[in-house]
Each structure stands twice: as structure tokens, then as C-alpha cells.
């Protein structure tokens, strides 16, 4: 094989690689989908300063679920002092957030 044949094959390979990289770039580009619903604005608020009302509602839901979990664990483990302390810390954290 001559060197010109090798160059031609390398050029074909380079063209193929360029084509693959453009396809991957199209998949990686973010789309401008407007996120609606409850979680969309919460995710968007990560990039904005301050706390909006939906983040506070989400935190309340999460901490109340955690408090219910600690109450259930306290009942199941016959009022274990560690679970009671963690539950009370959760309760005071809920109060502090609001």
C-alpha cells in the first residue's frame, strides 16, 4: 500500500469521527424545556439566590415525613432515647425553618 492510500483511509476515519462527535454534541446540548409542576421550580431555585415558597413547602413535607418516621421508630423500639432525641431535634428544626 502506498502512503497516499493510507492518508485517504485516515481522512475517511477522521470524517467518520467528526460525524460521531457532532451527533454526541446534539445529544448533550440542553433543551429549553420549561419545567412545570411542583419539582421544576424547586430545581430552578438552586441557581437563584434566596428561598422561594415552594422550597419551604417541600422542606416542610420532608421534615414532617422524617418526624413521622421517628415517631414510628420510637413506638417500635419502645421509646429508645436516641430516637426520641433525633425526633425532638427534627421537631425543633421544623419550627426553626418556619
N, C-alpha and C. Protein backbone atom coordinates (compact mmCIF):
# COMPACT_ATOMS: atom_id res chain seq x y z
N UNK A 1 0.82 -1.18 0.00
CA UNK A 1 0.00 0.00 0.00
C UNK A 1 0.86 1.24 0.00
N UNK A 2 0.44 2.23 -0.68
CA UNK A 2 1.22 3.46 -0.72
C UNK A 2 0.76 4.40 0.38
N UNK A 3 1.55 5.44 0.60
CA UNK A 3 1.22 6.40 1.63
C UNK A 3 -0.02 7.21 1.30
N UNK A 4 -0.26 7.43 0.02
CA UNK A 4 -1.46 8.18 -0.35
C UNK A 4 -2.72 7.37 -0.02
N UNK A 5 -2.66 6.05 -0.15
CA UNK A 5 -3.81 5.21 0.22
C UNK A 5 -4.05 5.28 1.72
N UNK A 6 -2.96 5.28 2.49
CA UNK A 6 -3.10 5.37 3.94
C UNK A 6 -3.70 6.70 4.36
N UNK A 7 -3.27 7.77 3.69
CA UNK A 7 -3.83 9.09 4.01
C UNK A 7 -5.31 9.14 3.70
N UNK A 8 -5.69 8.54 2.59
CA UNK A 8 -7.10 8.52 2.22
C UNK A 8 -7.93 7.78 3.25
N UNK A 9 -7.41 6.68 3.75
CA UNK A 9 -8.13 5.93 4.77
C UNK A 9 -8.20 6.71 6.08
N UNK A 10 -7.12 7.41 6.41
CA UNK A 10 -7.11 8.20 7.64
C UNK A 10 -8.10 9.36 7.52
N UNK A 11 -8.17 9.98 6.31
CA UNK A 11 -9.12 11.07 6.12
C UNK A 11 -10.54 10.56 6.26
N UNK A 12 -10.84 9.37 5.72
CA UNK A 12 -12.17 8.80 5.87
C UNK A 12 -12.49 8.55 7.33
N UNK A 13 -11.50 8.07 8.08
CA UNK A 13 -11.71 7.82 9.50
C UNK A 13 -11.96 9.13 10.23
N UNK A 14 -11.19 10.18 9.90
CA UNK A 14 -11.38 11.47 10.53
C UNK A 14 -12.77 12.02 10.24
N UNK A 15 -13.23 11.87 9.00
CA UNK A 15 -14.57 12.33 8.65
C UNK A 15 -15.62 11.59 9.47
N UNK A 16 -15.41 10.30 9.64
CA UNK A 16 -16.35 9.49 10.41
C UNK A 16 -16.35 9.92 11.87
N UNK A 17 -15.16 10.20 12.43
CA UNK A 17 -15.06 10.64 13.82
C UNK A 17 -15.73 12.00 14.02
N UNK A 18 -15.55 12.91 13.06
CA UNK A 18 -16.19 14.21 13.15
C UNK A 18 -17.70 14.08 13.16
N UNK A 19 -18.21 13.17 12.34
CA UNK A 19 -19.64 12.97 12.27
C UNK A 19 -20.17 12.44 13.60
N UNK A 20 -19.43 11.51 14.22
CA UNK A 20 -19.86 10.96 15.51
C UNK A 20 -19.85 12.02 16.59
N UNK A 21 -18.84 12.88 16.60
CA UNK A 21 -18.77 13.89 17.65
C UNK A 21 -19.89 14.92 17.51
N UNK A 22 -20.33 15.22 16.28
CA UNK A 22 -21.44 16.16 16.12
C UNK A 22 -22.73 15.54 16.62
N UNK A 23 -22.89 14.25 16.41
CA UNK A 23 -24.10 13.60 16.91
C UNK A 23 -24.12 13.63 18.43
N UNK A 24 -22.98 13.41 19.06
CA UNK A 24 -22.92 13.43 20.52
C UNK A 24 -23.16 14.83 21.06
N UNK A 25 -22.67 15.85 20.35
CA UNK A 25 -22.88 17.21 20.81
C UNK A 25 -24.35 17.59 20.77
N UNK A 26 -25.07 17.07 19.77
CA UNK A 26 -26.50 17.37 19.70
C UNK A 26 -27.25 16.77 20.88
N UNK A 27 -26.82 15.62 21.34
CA UNK A 27 -27.48 14.97 22.47
C UNK A 27 -27.15 15.65 23.78
N UNK A 28 -25.95 16.26 23.87
CA UNK A 28 -25.51 16.86 25.12
C UNK A 28 -26.05 18.27 25.32
N UNK A 29 -26.52 18.91 24.28
CA UNK A 29 -26.99 20.28 24.43
C UNK A 29 -28.30 20.29 25.20
N UNK A 30 -28.41 21.19 26.18
CA UNK A 30 -29.64 21.23 26.96
C UNK A 30 -30.78 21.82 26.14
N UNK A 31 -31.93 21.29 26.33
CA UNK A 31 -33.10 21.81 25.64
C UNK A 31 -33.76 22.86 26.53
N UNK A 32 -34.53 23.69 25.94
CA UNK A 32 -35.20 24.76 26.68
C UNK A 32 -36.59 24.33 27.09
N UNK A 33 -36.69 23.19 27.74
CA UNK A 33 -38.00 22.75 28.22
C UNK A 33 -38.35 23.51 29.48
N UNK A 34 -39.52 24.06 29.53
CA UNK A 34 -39.98 24.73 30.74
C UNK A 34 -40.45 23.67 31.72
N UNK A 35 -39.84 23.67 32.90
CA UNK A 35 -40.21 22.69 33.89
C UNK A 35 -41.43 23.21 34.64
N UNK A 36 -42.48 22.44 34.60
CA UNK A 36 -43.67 22.85 35.32
C UNK A 36 -43.93 21.84 36.41
N UNK A 37 -44.93 22.10 37.19
CA UNK A 37 -45.26 21.21 38.28
C UNK A 37 -44.65 21.69 39.58
N UNK A 38 -44.49 20.76 40.50
CA UNK A 38 -44.01 21.13 41.83
C UNK A 38 -42.49 21.11 41.92
N UNK A 39 -41.84 20.12 41.32
CA UNK A 39 -40.40 19.99 41.47
C UNK A 39 -39.60 20.88 40.53
N UNK A 40 -40.18 21.31 39.42
CA UNK A 40 -39.46 22.16 38.47
C UNK A 40 -38.96 23.46 39.08
N UNK A 41 -39.82 24.24 39.71
CA UNK A 41 -39.34 25.48 40.33
C UNK A 41 -38.36 25.24 41.48
N UNK A 42 -38.48 24.10 42.16
CA UNK A 42 -37.55 23.80 43.24
C UNK A 42 -36.16 23.57 42.67
N UNK A 43 -36.08 22.84 41.57
CA UNK A 43 -34.78 22.61 40.93
C UNK A 43 -34.23 23.92 40.38
N UNK A 44 -35.07 24.75 39.81
CA UNK A 44 -34.62 26.04 39.28
C UNK A 44 -34.14 26.97 40.39
N UNK A 45 -34.70 26.85 41.59
CA UNK A 45 -34.32 27.75 42.68
C UNK A 45 -32.92 27.47 43.19
N UNK A 46 -32.33 26.33 42.81
CA UNK A 46 -30.96 26.04 43.21
C UNK A 46 -30.01 27.08 42.61
N UNK A 47 -30.34 27.57 41.43
CA UNK A 47 -29.46 28.51 40.73
C UNK A 47 -29.83 29.97 40.99
N UNK A 48 -30.79 30.22 41.88
CA UNK A 48 -31.21 31.58 42.18
C UNK A 48 -30.97 31.86 43.65
N UNK A 49 -30.63 33.09 43.99
CA UNK A 49 -30.41 33.41 45.40
C UNK A 49 -31.74 33.47 46.15
N UNK A 50 -31.70 33.15 47.41
CA UNK A 50 -32.90 33.22 48.24
C UNK A 50 -33.68 31.92 48.21
N UNK A 51 -34.76 31.92 48.96
CA UNK A 51 -35.62 30.75 49.07
C UNK A 51 -37.03 31.16 48.66
N UNK A 52 -37.63 30.38 47.75
CA UNK A 52 -39.00 30.70 47.36
C UNK A 52 -39.97 29.85 48.17
N UNK A 53 -41.25 30.11 48.03
CA UNK A 53 -42.28 29.47 48.85
C UNK A 53 -42.36 27.97 48.59
N UNK A 54 -42.11 27.54 47.36
CA UNK A 54 -42.20 26.11 47.06
C UNK A 54 -41.09 25.32 47.73
N UNK A 55 -39.93 25.91 47.91
CA UNK A 55 -38.85 25.24 48.61
C UNK A 55 -39.22 25.05 50.08
N UNK A 56 -39.83 26.05 50.68
CA UNK A 56 -40.25 25.96 52.08
C UNK A 56 -41.32 24.87 52.24
N UNK A 57 -42.26 24.81 51.32
CA UNK A 57 -43.29 23.76 51.36
C UNK A 57 -42.65 22.39 51.22
N UNK A 58 -41.71 22.26 50.30
CA UNK A 58 -41.02 20.98 50.10
C UNK A 58 -40.26 20.57 51.35
N UNK A 59 -39.56 21.51 51.98
CA UNK A 59 -38.84 21.21 53.21
C UNK A 59 -39.78 20.80 54.33
N UNK A 60 -40.93 21.46 54.43
CA UNK A 60 -41.91 21.09 55.44
C UNK A 60 -42.40 19.66 55.23
N UNK A 61 -42.67 19.29 53.99
CA UNK A 61 -43.14 17.93 53.69
C UNK A 61 -42.07 16.91 54.07
N UNK A 62 -40.82 17.19 53.72
CA UNK A 62 -39.74 16.26 54.01
C UNK A 62 -39.53 16.12 55.51
N UNK A 63 -39.52 17.23 56.24
CA UNK A 63 -39.27 17.16 57.68
C UNK A 63 -40.45 16.55 58.44
N UNK A 64 -41.66 16.77 57.98
CA UNK A 64 -42.81 16.14 58.62
C UNK A 64 -42.78 14.64 58.39
N UNK A 65 -42.39 14.22 57.19
CA UNK A 65 -42.24 12.78 56.92
C UNK A 65 -41.14 12.19 57.81
N UNK A 66 -40.07 12.92 58.01
CA UNK A 66 -39.00 12.46 58.89
C UNK A 66 -39.47 12.37 60.33
N UNK A 67 -40.26 13.33 60.76
CA UNK A 67 -40.80 13.31 62.12
C UNK A 67 -41.74 12.13 62.32
N UNK A 68 -42.58 11.85 61.33
CA UNK A 68 -43.47 10.68 61.40
C UNK A 68 -42.65 9.40 61.46
N UNK A 69 -41.57 9.34 60.72
CA UNK A 69 -40.69 8.17 60.77
C UNK A 69 -40.09 7.99 62.16
N UNK A 70 -39.62 9.07 62.78
CA UNK A 70 -39.05 8.97 64.12
C UNK A 70 -40.10 8.58 65.16
N UNK A 71 -41.32 9.05 65.01
CA UNK A 71 -42.38 8.64 65.93
C UNK A 71 -42.66 7.16 65.79
N UNK A 72 -42.72 6.68 64.55
CA UNK A 72 -42.95 5.25 64.33
C UNK A 72 -41.79 4.41 64.88
N UNK A 73 -40.56 4.87 64.68
CA UNK A 73 -39.41 4.14 65.22
C UNK A 73 -39.40 4.16 66.74
N UNK A 74 -39.80 5.27 67.33
CA UNK A 74 -39.85 5.35 68.79
C UNK A 74 -40.87 4.36 69.35
N UNK A 75 -42.01 4.21 68.67
CA UNK A 75 -43.02 3.26 69.12
C UNK A 75 -42.53 1.83 68.93
N UNK A 76 -41.90 1.56 67.79
CA UNK A 76 -41.43 0.20 67.52
C UNK A 76 -40.27 -0.21 68.43
N UNK A 77 -39.41 0.73 68.80
CA UNK A 77 -38.25 0.41 69.62
C UNK A 77 -38.47 0.75 71.08
N UNK A 78 -39.73 0.83 71.49
CA UNK A 78 -40.12 1.03 72.89
C UNK A 78 -39.46 2.27 73.50
N UNK A 79 -39.65 3.37 72.83
CA UNK A 79 -39.19 4.70 73.28
C UNK A 79 -37.68 4.75 73.53
N UNK A 80 -36.93 4.35 72.54
CA UNK A 80 -35.48 4.43 72.60
C UNK A 80 -35.07 5.90 72.71
N UNK A 81 -34.19 6.21 73.64
CA UNK A 81 -33.81 7.60 73.91
C UNK A 81 -33.15 8.26 72.70
N UNK A 82 -32.41 7.50 71.92
CA UNK A 82 -31.73 8.07 70.75
C UNK A 82 -32.75 8.52 69.69
N UNK A 83 -33.76 7.71 69.48
CA UNK A 83 -34.80 8.05 68.50
C UNK A 83 -35.61 9.26 68.99
N UNK A 84 -35.86 9.30 70.29
CA UNK A 84 -36.60 10.45 70.85
C UNK A 84 -35.80 11.73 70.68
N UNK A 85 -34.51 11.68 70.93
CA UNK A 85 -33.67 12.88 70.76
C UNK A 85 -33.64 13.32 69.29
N UNK A 86 -33.48 12.37 68.37
CA UNK A 86 -33.47 12.73 66.95
C UNK A 86 -34.83 13.28 66.52
N UNK A 87 -35.91 12.72 67.02
CA UNK A 87 -37.25 13.23 66.71
C UNK A 87 -37.45 14.64 67.25
N UNK A 88 -36.97 14.90 68.46
CA UNK A 88 -37.12 16.25 69.02
C UNK A 88 -36.26 17.25 68.25
N UNK A 89 -35.06 16.84 67.83
CA UNK A 89 -34.24 17.73 67.01
C UNK A 89 -34.93 18.05 65.68
N UNK A 90 -35.58 17.06 65.10
CA UNK A 90 -36.33 17.28 63.86
C UNK A 90 -37.48 18.24 64.10
N UNK A 91 -38.18 18.07 65.21
CA UNK A 91 -39.30 18.95 65.55
C UNK A 91 -38.82 20.40 65.69
N UNK A 92 -37.71 20.60 66.41
CA UNK A 92 -37.21 21.96 66.59
C UNK A 92 -36.66 22.54 65.29
N UNK A 93 -36.16 21.69 64.41
CA UNK A 93 -35.71 22.16 63.10
C UNK A 93 -36.88 22.62 62.25
N UNK A 94 -38.00 21.90 62.33
CA UNK A 94 -39.20 22.33 61.61
C UNK A 94 -39.66 23.69 62.10
N UNK A 95 -39.64 23.88 63.41
CA UNK A 95 -40.04 25.17 63.99
C UNK A 95 -39.08 26.28 63.55
N UNK A 96 -37.78 25.98 63.53
CA UNK A 96 -36.79 26.99 63.15
C UNK A 96 -36.91 27.39 61.68
N UNK A 97 -37.26 26.44 60.83
CA UNK A 97 -37.40 26.76 59.40
C UNK A 97 -38.60 27.68 59.17
N UNK A 98 -39.67 27.42 59.86
CA UNK A 98 -40.87 28.22 59.66
C UNK A 98 -40.79 29.47 60.51
